[in-house]
Amino acid sequence: YPAVARQRGLSGTVLIAALVGANGMVDDLVILESDNVAFDEAAARAIRCLRFTPGLLNRVPTTMWVRVPISFKSD
């Protein structure tokens, strides 16, 4: 959670398109929508740390785009 956003009590969602490789790691990403640019970098870092189950094409792991929403909620 970005420190500035937390201090200001901001909440929001970032929608990311992630290119998931056959190894399950994120090869590339694009921010599709963002409620506040303060969340963009934190959302991108979070996605890059994840490991996905790769998509299958004819039962073979393959590279595919997925959409992932990342929500930030102030307590």
C-alpha atoms as a PDB file:
ATOM      1  CA  TYR A   1       0.000   0.000   0.000  1.00  0.00           C
ATOM      2  CA  PRO A   2       1.581   3.322  -0.984  1.00  0.00           C
ATOM      3  CA  ALA A   3       2.466   5.339   2.142  1.00  0.00           C
ATOM      4  CA  VAL A   4       1.004   8.599   0.792  1.00  0.00           C
ATOM      5  CA  ALA A   5      -2.277   6.904  -0.121  1.00  0.00           C
ATOM      6  CA  ARG A   6      -2.477   5.276   3.318  1.00  0.00           C
ATOM      7  CA  GLN A   7      -1.827   8.602   5.083  1.00  0.00           C
ATOM      8  CA  ARG A   8      -4.585  10.271   3.072  1.00  0.00           C
ATOM      9  CA  GLY A   9      -7.026   7.391   3.608  1.00  0.00           C
ATOM     10  CA  LEU A  10      -7.328   6.719  -0.118  1.00  0.00           C
ATOM     11  CA  SER A  11      -8.906   3.565  -1.532  1.00  0.00           C
ATOM     12  CA  GLY A  12      -9.140   2.395  -5.111  1.00  0.00           C
ATOM     13  CA  THR A  13      -8.714  -0.322  -7.699  1.00  0.00           C
ATOM     14  CA  VAL A  14      -6.204  -0.836 -10.486  1.00  0.00           C
ATOM     15  CA  LEU A  15      -7.109  -3.158 -13.373  1.00  0.00           C
ATOM     16  CA  ILE A  16      -4.031  -4.749 -14.911  1.00  0.00           C
ATOM     17  CA  ALA A  17      -3.632  -6.867 -18.028  1.00  0.00           C
ATOM     18  CA  ALA A  18      -0.764  -9.274 -17.341  1.00  0.00           C
ATOM     19  CA  LEU A  19       1.015 -11.389 -19.934  1.00  0.00           C
ATOM     20  CA  VAL A  20       1.548 -14.702 -18.152  1.00  0.00           C
ATOM     21  CA  GLY A  21       4.253 -16.879 -19.673  1.00  0.00           C
ATOM     22  CA  ALA A  22       4.225 -20.651 -19.999  1.00  0.00           C
ATOM     23  CA  ASN A  23       6.271 -20.752 -16.774  1.00  0.00           C
ATOM     24  CA  GLY A  24       3.537 -18.893 -14.856  1.00  0.00           C
ATOM     25  CA  MET A  25       5.585 -15.712 -14.400  1.00  0.00           C
ATOM     26  CA  VAL A  26       4.431 -12.267 -15.559  1.00  0.00           C
ATOM     27  CA  ASP A  27       6.373 -11.288 -18.685  1.00  0.00           C
ATOM     28  CA  ASP A  28       4.680  -7.923 -19.248  1.00  0.00           C
ATOM     29  CA  LEU A  29       1.814  -5.852 -17.906  1.00  0.00           C
ATOM     30  CA  VAL A  30      -0.365  -2.923 -18.874  1.00  0.00           C
ATOM     31  CA  ILE A  31      -2.462  -0.799 -16.547  1.00  0.00           C
ATOM     32  CA  LEU A  32      -5.919  -0.718 -18.125  1.00  0.00           C
ATOM     33  CA  GLU A  33      -7.795   1.337 -15.522  1.00  0.00           C
ATOM     34  CA  SER A  34      -6.821   3.103 -12.321  1.00  0.00           C
ATOM     35  CA  ASP A  35      -8.853   4.958  -9.714  1.00  0.00           C
ATOM     36  CA  ASN A  36      -5.727   6.812  -8.594  1.00  0.00           C
ATOM     37  CA  VAL A  37      -2.226   6.848 -10.081  1.00  0.00           C
ATOM     38  CA  ALA A  38      -0.847   6.631  -6.530  1.00  0.00           C
ATOM     39  CA  PHE A  39      -1.715   2.913  -6.625  1.00  0.00           C
ATOM     40  CA  ASP A  40      -0.283   2.044 -10.049  1.00  0.00           C
ATOM     41  CA  GLU A  41       3.308   1.192  -9.092  1.00  0.00           C
ATOM     42  CA  ALA A  42       2.298  -0.807  -6.005  1.00  0.00           C
ATOM     43  CA  ALA A  43      -0.217  -2.794  -8.055  1.00  0.00           C
ATOM     44  CA  ALA A  44       2.377  -3.499 -10.762  1.00  0.00           C
ATOM     45  CA  ARG A  45       4.910  -4.676  -8.148  1.00  0.00           C
ATOM     46  CA  ALA A  46       2.315  -6.956  -6.557  1.00  0.00           C
ATOM     47  CA  ILE A  47       1.426  -8.571  -9.897  1.00  0.00           C
ATOM     48  CA  ARG A  48       5.086  -9.148 -10.778  1.00  0.00           C
ATOM     49  CA  CYS A  49       5.559 -11.055  -7.491  1.00  0.00           C
ATOM     50  CA  LEU A  50       2.767 -13.517  -8.243  1.00  0.00           C
ATOM     51  CA  ARG A  51       3.135 -16.862  -9.944  1.00  0.00           C
ATOM     52  CA  PHE A  52       0.132 -17.914 -12.025  1.00  0.00           C
ATOM     53  CA  THR A  53      -1.020 -21.243 -13.369  1.00  0.00           C
ATOM     54  CA  PRO A  54      -0.300 -20.828 -17.083  1.00  0.00           C
ATOM     55  CA  GLY A  55      -3.044 -21.111 -19.655  1.00  0.00           C
ATOM     56  CA  LEU A  56      -3.255 -24.288 -21.685  1.00  0.00           C
ATOM     57  CA  LEU A  57      -3.620 -24.635 -25.427  1.00  0.00           C
ATOM     58  CA  ASN A  58      -4.071 -28.246 -26.531  1.00  0.00           C
ATOM     59  CA  ARG A  59      -2.918 -29.246 -23.021  1.00  0.00           C
ATOM     60  CA  VAL A  60       0.376 -27.390 -23.451  1.00  0.00           C
ATOM     61  CA  PRO A  61       1.244 -24.440 -21.164  1.00  0.00           C
ATOM     62  CA  THR A  62       1.257 -21.266 -23.242  1.00  0.00           C
ATOM     63  CA  THR A  63       1.601 -17.506 -22.883  1.00  0.00           C
ATOM     64  CA  MET A  64      -1.716 -15.685 -22.390  1.00  0.00           C
ATOM     65  CA  TRP A  65      -3.046 -12.304 -21.271  1.00  0.00           C
ATOM     66  CA  VAL A  66      -5.160 -12.184 -18.102  1.00  0.00           C
ATOM     67  CA  ARG A  67      -6.954  -9.288 -16.424  1.00  0.00           C
ATOM     68  CA  VAL A  68      -6.328  -8.856 -12.708  1.00  0.00           C
ATOM     69  CA  PRO A  69      -8.006  -6.265 -10.476  1.00  0.00           C
ATOM     70  CA  ILE A  70      -5.949  -5.101  -7.487  1.00  0.00           C
ATOM     71  CA  SER A  71      -7.942  -3.305  -4.785  1.00  0.00           C
ATOM     72  CA  PHE A  72      -6.563  -1.029  -2.095  1.00  0.00           C
ATOM     73  CA  LYS A  73      -8.823  -0.319   0.875  1.00  0.00           C
ATOM     74  CA  SER A  74      -7.980   2.123   3.625  1.00  0.00           C
ATOM     75  CA  ASP A  75      -8.747   0.928   7.158  1.00  0.00           C
END
